[in-house]
Amino acid sequence: MKKILIILVFGLLLSGLFSSGQIENPDTHLRLTQTRLLLEKHDFSLPGDIGVTAHANITMNDYGKRYMVYNPGQTVFFIPMYYFINIIFENSAEIYYKAAFLVSFVNYFIQVLCVYLLFKLALAIGAQRKRAIIMALFFGVASYSFSFAQSTYEHHFEMLFILLSYYIVISHKPLKHYGLYAGIALSAGILFRNTAFIALPGLLLLLNNRKDIFKMLLGVSLGVIVVMLYNHHRFTNPFEFGYTMAWVLAHGENIRSFWSIQRIPENFIGLLFSPGKGLFVYSPTLIISCIGFRKFYYHHKKLTISLAILSVCYLLLISANFDWHGSIWAFGPRYILPIVPLLYLPIIELRIRKLFYLCIIIGFISQLLLISVNYKRNLLENYVKTRYVDDKEYIYNFNNIPYLVQGKQLIKILPKNLSKELENYQPDSFWRQEIRTGTNEQVLDNSIEKNSINFWWVRIFHWNQT
């Protein structure tokens, strides 16, 4: 009970300080809208005025019904939150945006849970308590996972359940059915994102015998079956996820080359080191973990191989995809977030130095800089000037290193926050599409959305002034 209270307090603290107070991406808006429609119409299908097919997140089945392509995990998770707000308020638009406000706090709670699980995992493999704490702090406040928690994507859920699966396997081997429990945990991750299945080979390597392997496969099959039933409900085909259909609907037949081995070398490097999407650019503190890798491998060979399989599988699969970067309009290398906490584990092999504390502080300040301004502002500024932004040019341009970009944007918006003249361009209705009541130029120049310091307690102050 005491541990639960501590986690709750830290979750409230991180959420209260660093959440933006809004949903900033259309994917989460689409999921929350599906939650609304489930409660109102008891149906997963979407009306014709919901969403934008150009975003390639909506497709149509053979009977003309529109569905989002995503798994149902986040939609179902939002149900109690939306239902609670629905009881309190009456206006439909107010209900929706109050629910969106609550949603904006969720991922920091998940971040805290992941920090705690990573700490417990380190202890389970024999780490000294102080080293485990330092390692967890590096991940918790000085990694890309901290800044990305301000986004409302479902990748944090995927990360949580993969980490939980590893924790169960490593720390609960005396339990008779630990393989089953770990498989069920991974099943939960699959309900949010199919890519959670990639963790299975690395986890199977850590199991003791064929019985445990069978139990894990049995547990994982639960999530797979639910997703297949969901696919059948939408597309009358359990193996149709809708992604290809959505991209063809949005961009035509020329987009059918989704996967290519030829893409892997360039995109693999891009995922790790590119200025606009590189993991080591967004989480430079991972360099410290690399220093401890050799000792970690010496003491934990089997676990190291398992984590290597997990990481390589994620990197190779995502690198082979044409959309490996997850869009320049999304923050950082979001698709590989699930491997981030486990990559910090080798820090437990390093002797604690005063320099580590300085690195954590500098890393934390750097991550705060990344979330101080809406990260889409720089892109919108480029788009307003040129009417077109090339993905590849943007990602590999050293002028777009996130700390430089966000620092420049922070300097631009600070005076506007002091002037107290920011405007609200959100429509006075629940979310339907990515529309604003002002032009792109107006939104860029004086909207609350793009010009407020990107924390809810600052944004609310501007709302009170308008």
Protein backbone atom coordinates (compact mmCIF):
# COMPACT_ATOMS: atom_id res chain seq x y z
CA MET A 1 0.00 0.00 0.00
CA LYS A 2 2.85 2.39 0.85
CA LYS A 3 4.54 1.75 -2.50
CA ILE A 4 1.27 2.40 -4.35
CA LEU A 5 0.87 5.72 -2.53
CA ILE A 6 4.46 6.73 -3.38
CA ILE A 7 3.90 5.90 -7.06
CA LEU A 8 0.63 7.83 -7.00
CA VAL A 9 2.29 10.88 -5.46
CA PHE A 10 5.15 10.87 -7.95
CA GLY A 11 2.71 10.32 -10.81
CA LEU A 12 0.65 13.29 -9.67
CA LEU A 13 3.78 15.38 -9.26
CA LEU A 14 5.15 14.69 -12.75
CA SER A 15 1.74 15.06 -14.38
CA GLY A 16 0.94 18.24 -12.47
CA LEU A 17 4.20 19.88 -13.40
CA PHE A 18 4.83 18.78 -16.97
CA SER A 19 1.60 17.78 -18.75
CA SER A 20 0.57 20.09 -21.57
CA GLY A 21 -3.15 19.93 -20.79
CA GLN A 22 -4.12 19.12 -24.36
CA ILE A 23 -4.08 16.38 -26.98
CA GLU A 24 -1.70 17.61 -29.67
CA ASN A 25 -1.87 14.76 -32.20
CA PRO A 26 -4.78 13.59 -34.39
CA ASP A 27 -4.17 9.91 -33.55
CA THR A 28 -5.14 10.33 -29.90
CA HIS A 29 -8.01 12.65 -30.84
CA LEU A 30 -9.28 9.87 -33.09
CA ARG A 31 -9.08 7.31 -30.28
CA LEU A 32 -10.81 9.59 -27.78
CA THR A 33 -13.48 10.34 -30.38
CA GLN A 34 -14.00 6.61 -30.85
CA THR A 35 -14.41 6.37 -27.07
CA ARG A 36 -17.10 9.06 -27.27
CA LEU A 37 -18.89 7.23 -30.07
CA LEU A 38 -18.68 3.91 -28.23
CA LEU A 39 -20.42 5.45 -25.23
CA GLU A 40 -22.99 7.27 -27.36
CA LYS A 41 -23.67 4.81 -30.20
CA HIS A 42 -22.08 1.55 -28.99
CA ASP A 43 -20.23 1.17 -32.29
CA PHE A 44 -16.57 1.18 -33.36
CA SER A 45 -17.31 2.65 -36.80
CA LEU A 46 -16.72 6.34 -37.54
CA PRO A 47 -19.15 8.76 -39.26
CA GLY A 48 -18.01 10.46 -42.47
CA ASP A 49 -17.26 13.77 -40.75
CA ILE A 50 -14.77 12.28 -38.27
CA GLY A 51 -11.06 12.28 -39.05
CA VAL A 52 -9.05 13.03 -42.18
CA THR A 53 -8.20 10.18 -44.56
CA ALA A 54 -5.03 12.07 -45.64
CA HIS A 55 -3.53 11.16 -42.24
CA ALA A 56 -3.74 7.48 -43.24
CA ASN A 57 -5.27 6.49 -39.92
CA ILE A 58 -8.78 5.80 -41.24
CA THR A 59 -9.93 3.31 -43.84
CA MET A 60 -13.15 1.86 -45.21
CA ASN A 61 -14.27 -1.76 -45.32
CA ASP A 62 -16.08 -3.51 -48.16
CA TYR A 63 -19.46 -2.38 -46.81
CA GLY A 64 -18.57 1.31 -46.81
CA LYS A 65 -18.06 1.59 -43.04
CA ARG A 66 -15.17 3.76 -41.84
CA TYR A 67 -12.82 2.57 -39.07
CA MET A 68 -9.60 3.80 -37.54
CA VAL A 69 -6.66 1.45 -38.12
CA TYR A 70 -5.43 1.35 -34.52
CA ASN A 71 -5.88 -1.39 -31.94
CA PRO A 72 -8.61 -0.85 -29.32
CA GLY A 73 -6.44 -0.61 -26.20
CA GLN A 74 -6.27 3.15 -25.76
CA THR A 75 -9.90 3.64 -26.82
CA VAL A 76 -11.09 1.22 -24.13
CA PHE A 77 -8.68 2.71 -21.56
CA PHE A 78 -10.27 6.13 -22.08
CA ILE A 79 -13.83 4.91 -21.41
CA PRO A 80 -13.95 5.48 -17.60
CA MET A 81 -12.31 8.90 -17.99
CA TYR A 82 -14.83 10.03 -20.60
CA TYR A 83 -17.72 8.52 -18.67
CA PHE A 84 -16.66 10.37 -15.51
CA ILE A 85 -16.52 13.73 -17.30
CA ASN A 86 -19.83 12.98 -19.00
CA ILE A 87 -21.51 12.70 -15.59
CA ILE A 88 -20.23 16.10 -14.44
CA PHE A 89 -20.75 18.27 -17.54
CA GLU A 90 -23.58 18.63 -20.06
CA ASN A 91 -22.20 20.56 -23.04
CA SER A 92 -20.82 18.05 -25.61
CA ALA A 93 -17.81 20.18 -26.58
CA GLU A 94 -16.96 20.87 -22.95
CA ILE A 95 -17.23 17.17 -22.12
CA TYR A 96 -14.87 16.24 -24.94
CA TYR A 97 -12.17 18.81 -24.16
CA LYS A 98 -12.34 18.16 -20.41
CA ALA A 99 -11.78 14.48 -21.19
CA ALA A 100 -8.89 15.46 -23.48
CA PHE A 101 -7.47 17.47 -20.59
CA LEU A 102 -7.51 14.37 -18.36
CA VAL A 103 -5.96 12.26 -21.11
CA SER A 104 -2.99 14.63 -21.29
CA PHE A 105 -1.93 13.56 -17.77
CA VAL A 106 -1.95 9.79 -18.34
CA ASN A 107 1.45 9.19 -19.90
CA TYR A 108 3.39 10.76 -17.01
CA PHE A 109 1.73 8.28 -14.66
CA ILE A 110 2.83 5.51 -16.98
CA GLN A 111 6.33 6.99 -17.07
CA VAL A 112 6.49 6.77 -13.27
CA LEU A 113 5.32 3.14 -13.36
CA CYS A 114 8.02 2.33 -15.91
CA VAL A 115 10.69 4.00 -13.77
CA TYR A 116 9.59 1.92 -10.78
CA LEU A 117 9.54 -1.33 -12.80
CA LEU A 118 13.00 -0.60 -14.21
CA PHE A 119 14.30 0.03 -10.69
CA LYS A 120 12.77 -3.24 -9.43
CA LEU A 121 14.14 -5.09 -12.45
CA ALA A 122 17.65 -3.81 -11.67
CA LEU A 123 17.34 -5.03 -8.09
CA ALA A 124 16.09 -8.41 -9.31
CA ILE A 125 19.28 -8.98 -11.32
CA GLY A 126 21.46 -8.09 -8.32
CA ALA A 127 22.16 -4.37 -8.73
CA GLN A 128 23.12 -2.30 -5.72
CA ARG A 129 20.16 -0.20 -4.59
CA LYS A 130 21.92 3.14 -5.07
CA ARG A 131 23.09 2.24 -8.57
CA ALA A 132 19.58 1.05 -9.43
CA ILE A 133 18.18 4.41 -8.30
CA ILE A 134 20.74 6.36 -10.36
CA MET A 135 20.02 4.24 -13.41
CA ALA A 136 16.25 4.69 -12.99
CA LEU A 137 16.72 8.46 -12.65
CA PHE A 138 18.69 8.59 -15.88
CA PHE A 139 15.81 6.93 -17.66
CA GLY A 140 13.06 8.68 -15.69
CA VAL A 141 14.00 12.34 -16.11
CA ALA A 142 17.00 12.48 -18.48
CA SER A 143 15.80 10.35 -21.38
CA TYR A 144 13.58 10.91 -24.37
CA SER A 145 10.87 8.90 -22.61
CA PHE A 146 10.39 11.77 -20.15
CA SER A 147 9.86 14.43 -22.81
CA PHE A 148 7.77 12.15 -25.01
CA ALA A 149 5.41 11.52 -22.08
CA GLN A 150 3.96 14.97 -22.75
CA SER A 151 2.62 13.54 -26.00
CA THR A 152 -0.50 11.42 -25.73
CA TYR A 153 0.52 8.59 -28.07
CA GLU A 154 0.04 4.97 -27.01
CA HIS A 155 3.75 4.05 -27.19
CA HIS A 156 4.13 4.49 -23.42
CA PHE A 157 1.52 1.77 -22.88
CA GLU A 158 3.48 -0.55 -25.17
CA MET A 159 6.67 0.25 -23.26
CA LEU A 160 4.99 -0.37 -19.90
CA PHE A 161 3.72 -3.85 -20.73
CA ILE A 162 6.95 -5.00 -22.37
CA LEU A 163 8.86 -3.83 -19.30
CA LEU A 164 6.32 -5.58 -17.06
CA SER A 165 6.80 -8.80 -19.04
CA TYR A 166 10.56 -8.65 -18.53
CA TYR A 167 10.12 -7.90 -14.84
CA ILE A 168 7.80 -10.89 -14.35
CA VAL A 169 10.13 -13.26 -16.18
CA ILE A 170 13.26 -12.15 -14.33
CA SER A 171 11.93 -11.62 -10.81
CA HIS A 172 9.18 -14.25 -10.53
CA LYS A 173 10.76 -17.42 -11.86
CA PRO A 174 9.93 -19.30 -8.62
CA LEU A 175 6.23 -18.84 -9.47
CA LYS A 176 4.68 -21.85 -11.14
CA HIS A 177 2.94 -19.90 -13.91
CA TYR A 178 5.27 -16.92 -14.37
CA GLY A 179 5.48 -17.58 -18.12
CA LEU A 180 1.71 -17.28 -18.41
CA TYR A 181 1.64 -14.03 -16.43
CA ALA A 182 4.40 -12.53 -18.56
CA GLY A 183 2.54 -13.59 -21.70
CA ILE A 184 -0.66 -11.96 -20.46
CA ALA A 185 1.27 -8.75 -19.75
CA LEU A 186 2.62 -8.80 -23.30
CA SER A 187 -0.93 -9.46 -24.52
CA ALA A 188 -2.00 -6.21 -22.88
CA GLY A 189 0.73 -4.40 -24.81
CA ILE A 190 -0.48 -5.95 -28.08
CA LEU A 191 -3.97 -4.54 -27.44
CA PHE A 192 -2.36 -1.10 -27.69
CA ARG A 193 0.19 -1.72 -30.44
CA ASN A 194 0.86 -4.78 -32.59
CA THR A 195 4.60 -4.11 -32.43
CA ALA A 196 4.64 -5.25 -28.79
CA PHE A 197 4.73 -8.75 -30.29
CA ILE A 198 8.33 -8.04 -31.34
CA ALA A 199 9.38 -8.50 -27.70
CA LEU A 200 8.37 -12.16 -27.72
CA PRO A 201 11.62 -13.74 -29.11
CA GLY A 202 13.81 -11.97 -26.54
CA LEU A 203 11.49 -12.97 -23.70
CA LEU A 204 11.33 -16.62 -24.81
CA LEU A 205 15.11 -16.81 -24.57
CA LEU A 206 14.90 -16.14 -20.82
CA LEU A 207 12.46 -18.94 -20.04
CA ASN A 208 13.50 -22.11 -18.26
CA ASN A 209 11.87 -24.91 -20.23
CA ARG A 210 9.30 -25.89 -22.84
CA LYS A 211 6.43 -25.72 -20.35
CA ASP A 212 7.21 -22.11 -19.54
CA ILE A 213 7.52 -21.32 -23.25
CA PHE A 214 4.12 -22.91 -23.88
CA LYS A 215 2.56 -20.91 -21.04
CA MET A 216 3.97 -17.65 -22.36
CA LEU A 217 2.73 -18.41 -25.86
CA LEU A 218 -0.67 -19.21 -24.37
CA GLY A 219 -0.72 -15.87 -22.54
CA VAL A 220 0.35 -13.93 -25.64
CA SER A 221 -2.29 -15.70 -27.71
CA LEU A 222 -5.03 -13.99 -25.67
CA GLY A 223 -4.05 -10.55 -26.96
CA VAL A 224 -3.53 -11.87 -30.49
CA ILE A 225 -7.00 -13.47 -30.51
CA VAL A 226 -8.67 -10.26 -29.27
CA VAL A 227 -6.95 -8.22 -31.99
CA MET A 228 -7.90 -10.79 -34.63
CA LEU A 229 -11.54 -10.68 -33.50
CA TYR A 230 -11.40 -6.89 -33.63
CA ASN A 231 -9.96 -7.09 -37.16
CA HIS A 232 -12.74 -9.47 -38.19
CA HIS A 233 -15.36 -7.13 -36.76
CA ARG A 234 -13.97 -4.23 -38.80
CA PHE A 235 -12.84 -5.88 -42.03
CA THR A 236 -14.30 -9.45 -41.94
CA ASN A 237 -10.69 -10.67 -42.04
CA PRO A 238 -8.76 -11.45 -38.82
CA PHE A 239 -5.44 -10.78 -40.57
CA GLU A 240 -6.40 -7.38 -41.99
CA PHE A 241 -5.20 -4.53 -39.76
CA GLY A 242 -6.22 -1.76 -42.14
CA TYR A 243 -2.88 0.05 -42.39
CA THR A 244 -2.22 -0.77 -46.04
CA MET A 245 -5.81 0.08 -46.95
CA ALA A 246 -5.56 3.42 -45.13
CA TRP A 247 -2.31 4.45 -46.82
CA VAL A 248 -3.60 3.47 -50.26
CA LEU A 249 -6.80 5.41 -49.56
CA ALA A 250 -4.75 8.44 -48.54
CA HIS A 251 -1.93 8.35 -51.09
CA GLY A 252 -2.90 5.96 -53.89
CA GLU A 253 -1.47 2.69 -55.16
CA ASN A 254 2.09 4.04 -55.45
CA ILE A 255 2.54 3.69 -51.67
CA ARG A 256 2.26 -0.11 -51.65
CA SER A 257 5.99 -0.62 -51.03
CA PHE A 258 5.62 -0.58 -47.25
CA TRP A 259 8.62 -2.73 -46.42
CA SER A 260 12.05 -2.94 -48.01
CA ILE A 261 15.31 -4.48 -46.85
CA GLN A 262 17.13 -1.89 -48.94
CA ARG A 263 15.86 0.88 -46.66
CA ILE A 264 17.32 -0.67 -43.50
CA PRO A 265 20.93 0.66 -43.50
CA GLU A 266 20.02 4.34 -43.97
CA ASN A 267 16.95 4.26 -41.75
CA PHE A 268 18.73 2.26 -39.04
CA ILE A 269 21.33 5.03 -38.79
CA GLY A 270 18.57 7.62 -38.97
CA LEU A 271 16.73 6.09 -36.02
CA LEU A 272 19.88 6.25 -33.91
CA PHE A 273 21.78 9.36 -35.02
CA SER A 274 19.84 11.65 -37.40
CA PRO A 275 19.50 15.26 -36.14
CA GLY A 276 15.71 15.24 -36.34
CA LYS A 277 14.88 11.68 -35.23
CA GLY A 278 17.99 10.06 -33.72
CA LEU A 279 17.59 8.24 -30.41
CA PHE A 280 21.06 9.32 -29.24
CA VAL A 281 20.20 12.92 -30.16
CA TYR A 282 17.02 12.87 -28.10
CA SER A 283 18.57 10.74 -25.31
CA PRO A 284 22.31 11.56 -25.22
CA THR A 285 22.55 10.14 -21.69
CA LEU A 286 22.42 6.69 -23.33
CA ILE A 287 26.13 7.20 -24.03
CA ILE A 288 26.77 6.65 -20.31
CA SER A 289 24.91 3.35 -20.50
CA CYS A 290 27.11 2.29 -23.42
CA ILE A 291 30.15 2.65 -21.14
CA GLY A 292 28.77 -0.04 -18.83
CA PHE A 293 27.73 -2.43 -21.60
CA ARG A 294 30.82 -4.66 -21.47
CA LYS A 295 30.55 -5.34 -17.73
CA PHE A 296 26.79 -5.80 -18.03
CA TYR A 297 27.30 -8.44 -20.70
CA TYR A 298 29.91 -10.21 -18.56
CA HIS A 299 27.54 -10.42 -15.56
CA HIS A 300 24.24 -10.92 -17.40
CA LYS A 301 24.99 -12.64 -20.71
CA LYS A 302 21.59 -14.20 -21.27
CA LEU A 303 19.70 -11.02 -20.42
CA THR A 304 22.04 -8.96 -22.60
CA ILE A 305 21.42 -11.25 -25.56
CA SER A 306 17.67 -11.04 -24.90
CA LEU A 307 17.77 -7.23 -24.85
CA ALA A 308 19.94 -7.21 -27.96
CA ILE A 309 17.36 -9.36 -29.76
CA LEU A 310 14.58 -7.03 -28.59
CA SER A 311 16.43 -3.88 -29.69
CA VAL A 312 17.67 -5.22 -33.02
CA CYS A 313 14.24 -6.62 -33.90
CA TYR A 314 12.60 -3.25 -33.23
CA LEU A 315 15.27 -1.29 -35.09
CA LEU A 316 15.34 -3.60 -38.11
CA LEU A 317 11.57 -3.84 -38.45
CA ILE A 318 10.98 -0.10 -38.13
CA SER A 319 13.95 0.68 -40.41
CA ALA A 320 12.44 -1.46 -43.16
CA ASN A 321 9.21 0.58 -43.10
CA PHE A 322 8.75 3.57 -45.39
CA ASP A 323 7.32 5.54 -42.43
CA TRP A 324 10.21 4.66 -40.08
CA HIS A 325 10.34 8.17 -38.61
CA GLY A 326 6.67 8.22 -37.63
CA SER A 327 6.14 11.57 -39.43
CA ILE A 328 8.06 14.78 -38.92
CA TRP A 329 4.89 16.11 -37.28
CA ALA A 330 5.39 13.61 -34.44
CA PHE A 331 7.99 14.12 -31.72
CA GLY A 332 11.20 12.09 -31.97
CA PRO A 333 11.74 8.38 -32.76
CA ARG A 334 8.44 7.29 -31.22
CA TYR A 335 8.26 3.79 -32.70
CA ILE A 336 11.34 2.57 -30.81
CA LEU A 337 10.35 4.03 -27.43
CA PRO A 338 9.70 0.54 -25.89
CA ILE A 339 13.40 -0.36 -25.99
CA VAL A 340 14.56 2.84 -24.26
CA PRO A 341 14.24 1.89 -20.54
CA LEU A 342 15.99 -1.44 -20.98
CA LEU A 343 18.88 0.24 -22.81
CA TYR A 344 19.69 2.13 -19.59
CA LEU A 345 20.22 -1.04 -17.52
CA PRO A 346 24.04 -1.25 -18.07
CA ILE A 347 24.42 1.89 -15.92
CA ILE A 348 24.08 -0.38 -12.86
CA GLU A 349 27.56 -1.73 -13.62
CA LEU A 350 29.22 1.69 -13.31
CA ARG A 351 30.69 3.11 -10.15
CA ILE A 352 28.69 6.15 -9.09
CA ARG A 353 30.51 9.42 -9.67
CA LYS A 354 29.60 13.00 -8.94
CA LEU A 355 29.59 13.57 -12.69
CA PHE A 356 26.52 11.32 -12.95
CA TYR A 357 24.47 13.69 -10.83
CA LEU A 358 25.51 16.58 -13.05
CA CYS A 359 24.59 14.55 -16.15
CA ILE A 360 21.14 13.80 -14.71
CA ILE A 361 20.55 17.49 -13.94
CA ILE A 362 21.75 18.64 -17.39
CA GLY A 363 19.76 15.85 -19.05
CA PHE A 364 16.63 16.84 -17.12
CA ILE A 365 16.99 20.51 -18.08
CA SER A 366 17.52 19.50 -21.71
CA GLN A 367 14.37 17.40 -21.69
CA LEU A 368 12.45 20.29 -20.13
CA LEU A 369 13.60 22.50 -22.98
CA LEU A 370 12.17 19.98 -25.46
CA ILE A 371 8.70 20.20 -23.91
CA SER A 372 8.64 23.93 -23.11
CA VAL A 373 7.22 24.75 -26.56
CA ASN A 374 4.76 22.87 -28.75
CA TYR A 375 7.19 20.91 -30.94
CA LYS A 376 5.04 21.43 -34.03
CA ARG A 377 5.59 25.18 -33.95
CA ASN A 378 8.90 25.06 -35.82
CA LEU A 379 7.40 22.83 -38.49
CA LEU A 380 4.36 25.06 -38.87
CA GLU A 381 6.67 28.05 -39.18
CA ASN A 382 8.57 26.31 -41.99
CA TYR A 383 5.34 25.26 -43.66
CA VAL A 384 3.88 28.78 -43.54
CA LYS A 385 7.03 30.11 -45.22
CA THR A 386 7.46 27.46 -47.94
CA ARG A 387 4.05 25.66 -48.11
CA TYR A 388 5.99 22.39 -48.16
CA VAL A 389 8.41 20.59 -45.83
CA ASP A 390 10.31 17.56 -47.12
CA ASP A 391 10.54 14.80 -44.50
CA LYS A 392 14.03 13.61 -45.38
CA GLU A 393 15.51 17.10 -45.68
CA TYR A 394 14.03 18.10 -42.33
CA ILE A 395 15.18 14.98 -40.47
CA TYR A 396 18.79 15.13 -41.68
CA ASN A 397 19.22 18.90 -41.37
CA PHE A 398 21.57 19.74 -38.48
CA ASN A 399 19.70 23.01 -38.01
CA ASN A 400 16.78 20.88 -36.77
CA ILE A 401 18.52 19.35 -33.76
CA PRO A 402 15.63 19.49 -31.27
CA TYR A 403 17.43 21.46 -28.53
CA LEU A 404 18.39 24.21 -31.00
CA VAL A 405 14.92 24.30 -32.53
CA GLN A 406 13.07 24.39 -29.22
CA GLY A 407 15.48 26.95 -27.77
CA LYS A 408 14.86 29.30 -30.71
CA GLN A 409 11.11 28.81 -30.48
CA LEU A 410 11.13 29.43 -26.73
CA ILE A 411 12.85 32.78 -27.29
CA LYS A 412 10.15 33.67 -29.83
CA ILE A 413 7.15 32.83 -27.65
CA LEU A 414 8.36 34.16 -24.28
CA PRO A 415 7.36 37.77 -25.03
CA LYS A 416 3.95 36.58 -26.24
CA ASN A 417 3.34 34.81 -22.93
CA LEU A 418 4.04 38.04 -21.10
CA SER A 419 1.72 40.06 -23.34
CA LYS A 420 -1.33 37.95 -22.32
CA GLU A 421 -2.94 38.40 -25.75
CA LEU A 422 -3.02 34.84 -27.02
CA GLU A 423 -6.16 33.59 -28.77
CA ASN A 424 -8.08 30.30 -28.87
CA TYR A 425 -8.64 28.92 -32.38
CA GLN A 426 -10.13 25.58 -31.37
CA PRO A 427 -13.68 25.07 -32.73
CA ASP A 428 -16.55 25.28 -30.23
CA SER A 429 -17.52 21.64 -30.71
CA PHE A 430 -16.09 18.24 -29.93
CA TRP A 431 -13.19 17.16 -32.16
CA ARG A 432 -14.11 16.06 -35.66
CA GLN A 433 -11.09 16.88 -37.81
CA GLU A 434 -7.83 18.81 -37.59
CA ILE A 435 -9.43 22.19 -38.20
CA ARG A 436 -8.93 25.58 -36.55
CA THR A 437 -11.08 28.70 -36.70
CA GLY A 438 -8.02 30.73 -37.76
CA THR A 439 -5.53 30.46 -40.62
CA ASN A 440 -2.14 28.78 -40.22
CA GLU A 441 -0.59 32.23 -40.06
CA GLN A 442 -2.93 33.29 -37.23
CA VAL A 443 -2.37 30.06 -35.33
CA LEU A 444 1.40 30.46 -35.64
CA ASP A 445 1.35 34.12 -34.69
CA ASN A 446 -0.94 34.31 -31.66
CA SER A 447 -2.70 31.03 -30.78
CA ILE A 448 -2.64 29.61 -27.28
CA GLU A 449 -1.93 26.21 -28.82
CA LYS A 450 1.35 27.19 -30.51
CA ASN A 451 2.49 30.15 -28.41
CA SER A 452 1.80 29.31 -24.80
CA ILE A 453 4.58 27.83 -22.69
CA ASN A 454 3.64 24.19 -23.14
CA PHE A 455 2.42 23.34 -19.63
CA TRP A 456 -1.24 23.18 -18.64
CA TRP A 457 -0.84 25.59 -15.73
CA VAL A 458 0.50 28.26 -18.09
CA ARG A 459 -2.06 27.51 -20.81
CA ILE A 460 -4.94 27.85 -18.35
CA PHE A 461 -3.69 31.31 -17.42
CA HIS A 462 -4.01 32.35 -21.07
CA TRP A 463 -7.45 30.79 -21.28
CA ASN A 464 -8.53 32.99 -18.37
CA GLN A 465 -7.32 36.06 -20.24
CA THR A 466 -9.32 35.37 -23.41
